[in-house]
Amino acid sequence: MKVVATGELLLHPQATTEDIVWRMLHKIKAEDPEVLLLAGDLAYGVQGFRRVLQLARAVMPEVRIGVAPGPVDVYSDPSVVATTRELHDKVLPACAKEAGAIWLPTEVLKANGFLFVGTLGWTDYGAAPEGYDIAAHRKDHPDATRVDWGAEDGVVAHGFAERLLSLLEAHSKQTLQAIVVSGCPLGLRQIPPKTHPLAAGMRCNAKLGERVYSHSGLVGMVSAGLFGDGVSAEFLGVRQVTCPSTLKVPGYVVMNCDHNEHPAITEVRLVTAQHWGAQ
């Protein structure tokens, strides 16, 4: 089974144009995937988010699509009267349903012995290392200034974590290989080094990542970008990372998945914007 994952498309006239997204989706179609995973940060604004899903469905009407949101997807949108929570829980899932896609934070996608689950993976600043200036980070970063959950970050992050882990646990007795799709990186090798100016905040997500690693059927994690660097992927075989990589936007990861093989991800190919001809 072939699976393609992409994320952090950031559809917007001043970021990634619709033409670029359309061209990339046609390149993905040529890969002949059975499953398309959209790992968040698809667009600025609800209309853009809806448009990406519409384009994906128009280009690949027979492909199963799973989508997880990223922080940008729940930014305040003047065109929609909705809170951050309502965007995440109602508005964006409705967009996914309209396009015939599966909203991975609340539903699972099963295909050929694989289980795909998802989460936004909100950063738990309460788990930041000692001495980390949380207030300064929140003041300067749009994930804080344009998002208001109506609750503390730690409470929000904990809620997302428990929902993701409960989805994994609910299917733990089935012989399924699990791939987690998240809007924020969870894998330790997906999170930038300590020298990165925003690393400390994002490394808080490793707390959830460690719990996800403990799931017996986990074979991989796919996340939207590392601060503008596209989609990253981390695959495990006998608890060893076999292919950690980061792509430039827009790009995608092609995975050949075989439930009867070990490791279950038998081939991974990284396709950057340069590879498929984006300008």
C-alpha atoms as a PDB file:
ATOM      1  CA  MET A   1       0.000   0.000   0.000  1.00  0.00           C
ATOM      2  CA  LYS A   2       1.329   3.421  -0.926  1.00  0.00           C
ATOM      3  CA  VAL A   3       0.735   6.358   1.430  1.00  0.00           C
ATOM      4  CA  VAL A   4       1.652   9.987   0.751  1.00  0.00           C
ATOM      5  CA  ALA A   5       1.919  12.595   3.512  1.00  0.00           C
ATOM      6  CA  THR A   6       2.257  16.344   3.223  1.00  0.00           C
ATOM      7  CA  GLY A   7       1.696  19.355   5.442  1.00  0.00           C
ATOM      8  CA  GLU A   8       2.386  23.022   6.125  1.00  0.00           C
ATOM      9  CA  LEU A   9       1.146  24.048   2.684  1.00  0.00           C
ATOM     10  CA  LEU A  10       0.128  27.454   4.081  1.00  0.00           C
ATOM     11  CA  LEU A  11      -2.194  28.353   1.230  1.00  0.00           C
ATOM     12  CA  HIS A  12      -2.322  32.134   0.906  1.00  0.00           C
ATOM     13  CA  PRO A  13      -1.677  34.613  -1.933  1.00  0.00           C
ATOM     14  CA  GLN A  14       1.432  35.826  -0.109  1.00  0.00           C
ATOM     15  CA  ALA A  15       2.634  32.349   0.879  1.00  0.00           C
ATOM     16  CA  THR A  16       1.836  29.226  -1.155  1.00  0.00           C
ATOM     17  CA  THR A  17      -0.444  29.948  -4.091  1.00  0.00           C
ATOM     18  CA  GLU A  18      -3.339  27.773  -5.214  1.00  0.00           C
ATOM     19  CA  ASP A  19      -1.492  27.012  -8.452  1.00  0.00           C
ATOM     20  CA  ILE A  20       1.444  25.551  -6.521  1.00  0.00           C
ATOM     21  CA  VAL A  21      -0.849  23.418  -4.364  1.00  0.00           C
ATOM     22  CA  TRP A  22      -2.758  22.238  -7.452  1.00  0.00           C
ATOM     23  CA  ARG A  23       0.458  21.252  -9.242  1.00  0.00           C
ATOM     24  CA  MET A  24       1.810  19.408  -6.230  1.00  0.00           C
ATOM     25  CA  LEU A  25      -1.434  17.481  -5.781  1.00  0.00           C
ATOM     26  CA  HIS A  26      -1.207  16.301  -9.372  1.00  0.00           C
ATOM     27  CA  LYS A  27       2.354  15.126  -8.701  1.00  0.00           C
ATOM     28  CA  ILE A  28       1.058  13.246  -5.675  1.00  0.00           C
ATOM     29  CA  LYS A  29      -1.722  11.714  -7.783  1.00  0.00           C
ATOM     30  CA  ALA A  30       0.930  10.374 -10.173  1.00  0.00           C
ATOM     31  CA  GLU A  31       2.366   8.414  -7.220  1.00  0.00           C
ATOM     32  CA  ASP A  32      -0.927   6.455  -7.193  1.00  0.00           C
ATOM     33  CA  PRO A  33      -1.452   6.480  -3.400  1.00  0.00           C
ATOM     34  CA  GLU A  34      -4.253   4.696  -1.580  1.00  0.00           C
ATOM     35  CA  VAL A  35      -4.068   7.127   1.352  1.00  0.00           C
ATOM     36  CA  LEU A  36      -3.233  10.845   1.508  1.00  0.00           C
ATOM     37  CA  LEU A  37      -2.312  12.289   4.900  1.00  0.00           C
ATOM     38  CA  LEU A  38      -2.560  16.061   5.451  1.00  0.00           C
ATOM     39  CA  ALA A  39      -0.561  16.932   8.559  1.00  0.00           C
ATOM     40  CA  GLY A  40      -1.838  20.406   9.309  1.00  0.00           C
ATOM     41  CA  ASP A  41      -1.028  24.064   8.679  1.00  0.00           C
ATOM     42  CA  LEU A  42      -2.863  23.769   5.376  1.00  0.00           C
ATOM     43  CA  ALA A  43      -3.861  27.432   4.977  1.00  0.00           C
ATOM     44  CA  TYR A  44      -4.331  30.834   6.536  1.00  0.00           C
ATOM     45  CA  GLY A  45      -8.069  31.074   7.178  1.00  0.00           C
ATOM     46  CA  VAL A  46     -11.011  28.704   7.023  1.00  0.00           C
ATOM     47  CA  GLN A  47     -11.743  29.349   3.350  1.00  0.00           C
ATOM     48  CA  GLY A  48      -8.187  28.410   2.451  1.00  0.00           C
ATOM     49  CA  PHE A  49      -8.377  25.276   4.601  1.00  0.00           C
ATOM     50  CA  ARG A  50     -11.594  24.265   2.855  1.00  0.00           C
ATOM     51  CA  ARG A  51     -10.051  25.026  -0.529  1.00  0.00           C
ATOM     52  CA  VAL A  52      -7.045  22.750   0.029  1.00  0.00           C
ATOM     53  CA  LEU A  53      -9.382  19.877   0.877  1.00  0.00           C
ATOM     54  CA  GLN A  54     -11.559  20.630  -2.149  1.00  0.00           C
ATOM     55  CA  LEU A  55      -8.515  20.599  -4.412  1.00  0.00           C
ATOM     56  CA  ALA A  56      -7.239  17.344  -2.926  1.00  0.00           C
ATOM     57  CA  ARG A  57     -10.601  15.677  -3.452  1.00  0.00           C
ATOM     58  CA  ALA A  58     -10.989  17.045  -6.982  1.00  0.00           C
ATOM     59  CA  VAL A  59      -7.555  15.769  -8.022  1.00  0.00           C
ATOM     60  CA  MET A  60      -7.844  12.406  -6.220  1.00  0.00           C
ATOM     61  CA  PRO A  61     -11.542  11.459  -5.988  1.00  0.00           C
ATOM     62  CA  GLU A  62     -10.846   7.820  -5.106  1.00  0.00           C
ATOM     63  CA  VAL A  63      -8.053   8.330  -2.565  1.00  0.00           C
ATOM     64  CA  ARG A  64      -8.786   8.087   1.154  1.00  0.00           C
ATOM     65  CA  ILE A  65      -7.802  11.335   2.870  1.00  0.00           C
ATOM     66  CA  GLY A  66      -6.978  11.825   6.539  1.00  0.00           C
ATOM     67  CA  VAL A  67      -6.392  15.303   7.954  1.00  0.00           C
ATOM     68  CA  ALA A  68      -5.003  16.621  11.239  1.00  0.00           C
ATOM     69  CA  PRO A  69      -4.936  20.377  12.014  1.00  0.00           C
ATOM     70  CA  GLY A  70      -1.900  22.509  12.720  1.00  0.00           C
ATOM     71  CA  PRO A  71      -1.656  25.700  14.809  1.00  0.00           C
ATOM     72  CA  VAL A  72      -2.089  27.963  11.760  1.00  0.00           C
ATOM     73  CA  ASP A  73      -5.372  26.244  10.903  1.00  0.00           C
ATOM     74  CA  VAL A  74      -6.928  27.428  14.167  1.00  0.00           C
ATOM     75  CA  TYR A  75      -5.663  31.032  14.007  1.00  0.00           C
ATOM     76  CA  SER A  76      -8.394  33.609  14.568  1.00  0.00           C
ATOM     77  CA  ASP A  77     -10.205  34.267  11.269  1.00  0.00           C
ATOM     78  CA  PRO A  78     -12.173  37.552  10.877  1.00  0.00           C
ATOM     79  CA  SER A  79     -14.381  35.932   8.219  1.00  0.00           C
ATOM     80  CA  VAL A  80     -15.663  33.310  10.660  1.00  0.00           C
ATOM     81  CA  VAL A  81     -17.372  33.993  13.976  1.00  0.00           C
ATOM     82  CA  ALA A  82     -15.899  31.135  15.968  1.00  0.00           C
ATOM     83  CA  THR A  83     -13.552  30.614  18.880  1.00  0.00           C
ATOM     84  CA  THR A  84     -10.339  28.619  18.540  1.00  0.00           C
ATOM     85  CA  ARG A  85     -12.071  25.673  20.181  1.00  0.00           C
ATOM     86  CA  GLU A  86     -15.034  25.921  17.806  1.00  0.00           C
ATOM     87  CA  LEU A  87     -12.700  26.053  14.821  1.00  0.00           C
ATOM     88  CA  HIS A  88     -10.963  22.882  15.995  1.00  0.00           C
ATOM     89  CA  ASP A  89     -14.021  20.965  17.166  1.00  0.00           C
ATOM     90  CA  LYS A  90     -16.708  22.043  14.685  1.00  0.00           C
ATOM     91  CA  VAL A  91     -15.744  24.290  11.765  1.00  0.00           C
ATOM     92  CA  LEU A  92     -12.664  22.473  10.448  1.00  0.00           C
ATOM     93  CA  PRO A  93     -14.121  18.968  10.942  1.00  0.00           C
ATOM     94  CA  ALA A  94     -17.125  20.123   8.903  1.00  0.00           C
ATOM     95  CA  CYS A  95     -14.756  21.195   6.112  1.00  0.00           C
ATOM     96  CA  ALA A  96     -13.158  17.757   6.194  1.00  0.00           C
ATOM     97  CA  LYS A  97     -16.538  16.039   6.053  1.00  0.00           C
ATOM     98  CA  GLU A  98     -17.594  18.159   3.067  1.00  0.00           C
ATOM     99  CA  ALA A  99     -14.533  16.912   1.189  1.00  0.00           C
ATOM    100  CA  GLY A 100     -15.091  13.301   2.182  1.00  0.00           C
ATOM    101  CA  ALA A 101     -11.965  13.348   4.366  1.00  0.00           C
ATOM    102  CA  ILE A 102     -11.503  11.841   7.829  1.00  0.00           C
ATOM    103  CA  TRP A 103     -10.865  14.216  10.740  1.00  0.00           C
ATOM    104  CA  LEU A 104      -8.107  12.272  12.460  1.00  0.00           C
ATOM    105  CA  PRO A 105      -8.321  13.901  15.930  1.00  0.00           C
ATOM    106  CA  THR A 106     -11.691  12.200  16.510  1.00  0.00           C
ATOM    107  CA  GLU A 107     -11.862   9.425  13.919  1.00  0.00           C
ATOM    108  CA  VAL A 108      -9.417   6.803  12.722  1.00  0.00           C
ATOM    109  CA  LEU A 109      -8.557   5.784   9.199  1.00  0.00           C
ATOM    110  CA  LYS A 110      -7.924   2.080   8.671  1.00  0.00           C
ATOM    111  CA  ALA A 111      -6.389   0.686   5.517  1.00  0.00           C
ATOM    112  CA  ASN A 112      -4.665  -2.619   4.744  1.00  0.00           C
ATOM    113  CA  GLY A 113      -3.663  -3.399   8.311  1.00  0.00           C
ATOM    114  CA  PHE A 114      -2.647   0.155   9.188  1.00  0.00           C
ATOM    115  CA  LEU A 115      -4.245   2.573  11.632  1.00  0.00           C
ATOM    116  CA  PHE A 116      -3.900   6.326  11.087  1.00  0.00           C
ATOM    117  CA  VAL A 117      -4.726   8.620  14.000  1.00  0.00           C
ATOM    118  CA  GLY A 118      -4.075  12.315  14.485  1.00  0.00           C
ATOM    119  CA  THR A 119      -3.814  15.322  16.763  1.00  0.00           C
ATOM    120  CA  LEU A 120      -2.890  18.976  16.690  1.00  0.00           C
ATOM    121  CA  GLY A 121      -0.417  18.246  19.480  1.00  0.00           C
ATOM    122  CA  TRP A 122      -0.573  21.658  21.151  1.00  0.00           C
ATOM    123  CA  THR A 123       2.589  22.707  22.940  1.00  0.00           C
ATOM    124  CA  ASP A 124       2.435  22.270  26.693  1.00  0.00           C
ATOM    125  CA  TYR A 125       4.433  25.264  27.864  1.00  0.00           C
ATOM    126  CA  GLY A 126       3.895  24.100  31.423  1.00  0.00           C
ATOM    127  CA  ALA A 127       6.380  21.318  30.699  1.00  0.00           C
ATOM    128  CA  ALA A 128       9.079  23.742  29.525  1.00  0.00           C
ATOM    129  CA  PRO A 129      12.622  23.303  30.853  1.00  0.00           C
ATOM    130  CA  GLU A 130      13.552  25.263  33.964  1.00  0.00           C
ATOM    131  CA  GLY A 131      14.526  28.814  33.098  1.00  0.00           C
ATOM    132  CA  TYR A 132      12.611  28.906  29.808  1.00  0.00           C
ATOM    133  CA  ASP A 133      10.936  32.300  29.291  1.00  0.00           C
ATOM    134  CA  ILE A 134       7.375  31.192  28.543  1.00  0.00           C
ATOM    135  CA  ALA A 135       5.948  34.726  28.715  1.00  0.00           C
ATOM    136  CA  ALA A 136       8.403  36.032  26.109  1.00  0.00           C
ATOM    137  CA  HIS A 137       7.685  33.135  23.774  1.00  0.00           C
ATOM    138  CA  ARG A 138       3.927  33.608  24.027  1.00  0.00           C
ATOM    139  CA  LYS A 139       4.251  37.359  23.503  1.00  0.00           C
ATOM    140  CA  ASP A 140       6.203  37.019  20.251  1.00  0.00           C
ATOM    141  CA  HIS A 141       4.878  33.830  18.671  1.00  0.00           C
ATOM    142  CA  PRO A 142       1.674  33.891  16.542  1.00  0.00           C
ATOM    143  CA  ASP A 143       0.672  30.473  17.865  1.00  0.00           C
ATOM    144  CA  ALA A 144       0.019  32.313  21.114  1.00  0.00           C
ATOM    145  CA  THR A 145      -1.100  35.746  19.898  1.00  0.00           C
ATOM    146  CA  ARG A 146      -3.589  34.455  17.314  1.00  0.00           C
ATOM    147  CA  VAL A 147      -4.947  31.487  19.264  1.00  0.00           C
ATOM    148  CA  ASP A 148      -7.074  31.534  22.391  1.00  0.00           C
ATOM    149  CA  TRP A 149      -8.341  28.197  23.661  1.00  0.00           C
ATOM    150  CA  GLY A 150      -9.968  29.714  26.712  1.00  0.00           C
ATOM    151  CA  ALA A 151      -7.807  27.503  28.919  1.00  0.00           C
ATOM    152  CA  GLU A 152      -4.181  27.114  29.981  1.00  0.00           C
ATOM    153  CA  ASP A 153      -1.832  25.615  27.389  1.00  0.00           C
ATOM    154  CA  GLY A 154      -1.101  22.646  29.624  1.00  0.00           C
ATOM    155  CA  VAL A 155      -4.793  21.813  29.989  1.00  0.00           C
ATOM    156  CA  VAL A 156      -5.303  22.017  26.222  1.00  0.00           C
ATOM    157  CA  ALA A 157      -2.209  19.931  25.483  1.00  0.00           C
ATOM    158  CA  HIS A 158      -3.249  17.323  28.060  1.00  0.00           C
ATOM    159  CA  GLY A 159      -6.707  17.047  26.510  1.00  0.00           C
ATOM    160  CA  PHE A 160      -5.291  16.462  23.032  1.00  0.00           C
ATOM    161  CA  ALA A 161      -2.804  13.951  24.405  1.00  0.00           C
ATOM    162  CA  GLU A 162      -5.443  11.928  26.220  1.00  0.00           C
ATOM    163  CA  ARG A 163      -7.705  11.869  23.170  1.00  0.00           C
ATOM    164  CA  LEU A 164      -4.879  10.652  20.934  1.00  0.00           C
ATOM    165  CA  LEU A 165      -3.777   7.995  23.410  1.00  0.00           C
ATOM    166  CA  SER A 166      -7.351   6.810  23.887  1.00  0.00           C
ATOM    167  CA  LEU A 167      -7.735   6.355  20.113  1.00  0.00           C
ATOM    168  CA  LEU A 168      -4.555   4.289  20.054  1.00  0.00           C
ATOM    169  CA  GLU A 169      -5.625   2.272  23.081  1.00  0.00           C
ATOM    170  CA  ALA A 170      -9.097   1.601  21.672  1.00  0.00           C
ATOM    171  CA  HIS A 171      -7.501  -0.258  18.788  1.00  0.00           C
ATOM    172  CA  SER A 172      -4.561  -1.795  20.671  1.00  0.00           C
ATOM    173  CA  LYS A 173      -6.054  -5.308  20.608  1.00  0.00           C
ATOM    174  CA  GLN A 174      -6.252  -5.282  16.840  1.00  0.00           C
ATOM    175  CA  THR A 175      -3.218  -6.303  14.818  1.00  0.00           C
ATOM    176  CA  LEU A 176      -2.820  -2.877  13.252  1.00  0.00           C
ATOM    177  CA  GLN A 177       0.350  -0.885  12.631  1.00  0.00           C
ATOM    178  CA  ALA A 178      -0.177   2.697  13.835  1.00  0.00           C
ATOM    179  CA  ILE A 179       1.001   5.906  12.196  1.00  0.00           C
ATOM    180  CA  VAL A 180       0.385   9.125  14.134  1.00  0.00           C
ATOM    181  CA  VAL A 181      -0.250  12.334  12.168  1.00  0.00           C
ATOM    182  CA  SER A 182       0.218  15.598  14.071  1.00  0.00           C
ATOM    183  CA  GLY A 183       0.152  19.318  13.416  1.00  0.00           C
ATOM    184  CA  CYS A 184       3.021  19.896  15.857  1.00  0.00           C
ATOM    185  CA  PRO A 185       6.092  17.616  15.901  1.00  0.00           C
ATOM    186  CA  LEU A 186       6.059  14.932  18.598  1.00  0.00           C
ATOM    187  CA  GLY A 187       8.996  12.708  17.716  1.00  0.00           C
ATOM    188  CA  LEU A 188      12.277  13.541  19.409  1.00  0.00           C
ATOM    189  CA  ARG A 189      14.093  13.617  16.077  1.00  0.00           C
ATOM    190  CA  GLN A 190      11.424  15.831  14.527  1.00  0.00           C
ATOM    191  CA  ILE A 191      11.985  18.516  17.148  1.00  0.00           C
ATOM    192  CA  PRO A 192      14.755  21.048  16.380  1.00  0.00           C
ATOM    193  CA  PRO A 193      18.024  21.146  18.330  1.00  0.00           C
ATOM    194  CA  LYS A 194      18.412  23.168  21.492  1.00  0.00           C
ATOM    195  CA  THR A 195      20.157  25.932  19.568  1.00  0.00           C
ATOM    196  CA  HIS A 196      16.944  26.806  17.693  1.00  0.00           C
ATOM    197  CA  PRO A 197      15.319  29.948  19.219  1.00  0.00           C
ATOM    198  CA  LEU A 198      11.930  28.210  19.572  1.00  0.00           C
ATOM    199  CA  ALA A 199      13.238  24.759  20.408  1.00  0.00           C
ATOM    200  CA  ALA A 200      12.530  24.840  24.133  1.00  0.00           C
ATOM    201  CA  GLY A 201       8.823  25.428  23.659  1.00  0.00           C
ATOM    202  CA  MET A 202       8.432  22.723  21.034  1.00  0.00           C
ATOM    203  CA  ARG A 203      10.521  20.230  22.977  1.00  0.00           C
ATOM    204  CA  CYS A 204       7.729  20.244  25.526  1.00  0.00           C
ATOM    205  CA  ASN A 205       5.862  18.059  23.040  1.00  0.00           C
ATOM    206  CA  ALA A 206       8.416  15.323  23.588  1.00  0.00           C
ATOM    207  CA  LYS A 207       6.506  14.611  26.786  1.00  0.00           C
ATOM    208  CA  LEU A 208       3.562  13.399  24.695  1.00  0.00           C
ATOM    209  CA  GLY A 209       5.889  11.864  22.129  1.00  0.00           C
ATOM    210  CA  GLU A 210       7.373   9.582  24.781  1.00  0.00           C
ATOM    211  CA  ARG A 211       3.905   8.302  25.664  1.00  0.00           C
ATOM    212  CA  VAL A 212       3.069   7.734  22.002  1.00  0.00           C
ATOM    213  CA  TYR A 213       6.321   5.796  21.537  1.00  0.00           C
ATOM    214  CA  SER A 214       5.164   3.317  24.153  1.00  0.00           C
ATOM    215  CA  HIS A 215       2.244   2.166  22.008  1.00  0.00           C
ATOM    216  CA  SER A 216       3.124  -1.362  20.912  1.00  0.00           C
ATOM    217  CA  GLY A 217       1.829  -0.994  17.349  1.00  0.00           C
ATOM    218  CA  LEU A 218       3.496   2.349  16.534  1.00  0.00           C
ATOM    219  CA  VAL A 219       5.575   2.303  13.357  1.00  0.00           C
ATOM    220  CA  GLY A 220       5.803   5.994  12.485  1.00  0.00           C
ATOM    221  CA  MET A 221       5.005   9.655  13.065  1.00  0.00           C
ATOM    222  CA  VAL A 222       4.280  12.301  10.434  1.00  0.00           C
ATOM    223  CA  SER A 223       4.099  15.959  11.452  1.00  0.00           C
ATOM    224  CA  ALA A 224       3.652  19.353   9.856  1.00  0.00           C
ATOM    225  CA  GLY A 225       6.685  21.524   9.716  1.00  0.00           C
ATOM    226  CA  LEU A 226       9.509  22.485  11.901  1.00  0.00           C
ATOM    227  CA  PHE A 227       9.014  26.233  11.862  1.00  0.00           C
ATOM    228  CA  GLY A 228       8.410  26.606   8.131  1.00  0.00           C
ATOM    229  CA  ASP A 229      10.416  23.609   6.960  1.00  0.00           C
ATOM    230  CA  GLY A 230       7.530  21.512   5.628  1.00  0.00           C
ATOM    231  CA  VAL A 231       6.564  18.031   6.670  1.00  0.00           C
ATOM    232  CA  SER A 232       8.781  15.745   8.728  1.00  0.00           C
ATOM    233  CA  ALA A 233       8.610  11.994   9.123  1.00  0.00           C
ATOM    234  CA  GLU A 234      10.023   9.551  11.618  1.00  0.00           C
ATOM    235  CA  PHE A 235       9.702   5.803  11.139  1.00  0.00           C
ATOM    236  CA  LEU A 236      10.475   3.071  13.598  1.00  0.00           C
ATOM    237  CA  GLY A 237      11.450  -0.550  13.221  1.00  0.00           C
ATOM    238  CA  VAL A 238      12.122  -2.411  16.450  1.00  0.00           C
ATOM    239  CA  ARG A 239      12.076   0.984  18.179  1.00  0.00           C
ATOM    240  CA  GLN A 240      14.855   2.308  15.920  1.00  0.00           C
ATOM    241  CA  VAL A 241      14.431   5.391  13.765  1.00  0.00           C
ATOM    242  CA  THR A 242      15.090   4.377  10.179  1.00  0.00           C
ATOM    243  CA  CYS A 243      14.306   7.549   8.235  1.00  0.00           C
ATOM    244  CA  PRO A 244      14.010  10.946   9.938  1.00  0.00           C
ATOM    245  CA  SER A 245      13.823  13.801   7.434  1.00  0.00           C
ATOM    246  CA  THR A 246      12.585  17.340   6.942  1.00  0.00           C
ATOM    247  CA  LEU A 247      11.249  18.748   3.684  1.00  0.00           C
ATOM    248  CA  LYS A 248      10.978  22.274   2.358  1.00  0.00           C
ATOM    249  CA  VAL A 249       7.479  23.551   1.612  1.00  0.00           C
ATOM    250  CA  PRO A 250       5.764  22.328  -0.375  1.00  0.00           C
ATOM    251  CA  GLY A 251       6.907  18.743  -0.494  1.00  0.00           C
ATOM    252  CA  TYR A 252       5.722  15.296   0.471  1.00  0.00           C
ATOM    253  CA  VAL A 253       6.745  11.894   1.784  1.00  0.00           C
ATOM    254  CA  VAL A 254       5.945   8.692  -0.102  1.00  0.00           C
ATOM    255  CA  MET A 255       5.697   5.552   2.047  1.00  0.00           C
ATOM    256  CA  ASN A 256       5.352   1.969   0.888  1.00  0.00           C
ATOM    257  CA  CYS A 257       3.576   0.156   3.699  1.00  0.00           C
ATOM    258  CA  ASP A 258       3.404  -3.627   3.979  1.00  0.00           C
ATOM    259  CA  HIS A 259       1.574  -5.038   6.978  1.00  0.00           C
ATOM    260  CA  ASN A 260       3.233  -8.421   6.505  1.00  0.00           C
ATOM    261  CA  GLU A 261       6.781  -7.096   6.461  1.00  0.00           C
ATOM    262  CA  HIS A 262       9.118  -6.005   9.253  1.00  0.00           C
ATOM    263  CA  PRO A 263       9.607  -3.138   9.501  1.00  0.00           C
ATOM    264  CA  ALA A 264       6.144  -2.288   8.215  1.00  0.00           C
ATOM    265  CA  ILE A 265       7.365   0.799   6.342  1.00  0.00           C
ATOM    266  CA  THR A 266       9.420  -0.893   3.639  1.00  0.00           C
ATOM    267  CA  GLU A 267      10.390   2.204   1.633  1.00  0.00           C
ATOM    268  CA  VAL A 268      10.358   5.958   2.197  1.00  0.00           C
ATOM    269  CA  ARG A 269      10.947   8.543  -0.512  1.00  0.00           C
ATOM    270  CA  LEU A 270      11.236  12.269   0.111  1.00  0.00           C
ATOM    271  CA  VAL A 271      10.024  14.599  -2.638  1.00  0.00           C
ATOM    272  CA  THR A 272      11.008  18.245  -2.211  1.00  0.00           C
ATOM    273  CA  ALA A 273       9.708  21.251  -4.125  1.00  0.00           C
ATOM    274  CA  GLN A 274      12.862  21.162  -6.252  1.00  0.00           C
ATOM    275  CA  HIS A 275      12.264  17.510  -7.137  1.00  0.00           C
ATOM    276  CA  TRP A 276       8.784  18.074  -8.493  1.00  0.00           C
ATOM    277  CA  GLY A 277       9.548  21.348 -10.218  1.00  0.00           C
ATOM    278  CA  ALA A 278       8.028  24.082  -8.017  1.00  0.00           C
ATOM    279  CA  GLN A 279       9.472  27.517  -8.601  1.00  0.00           C
END
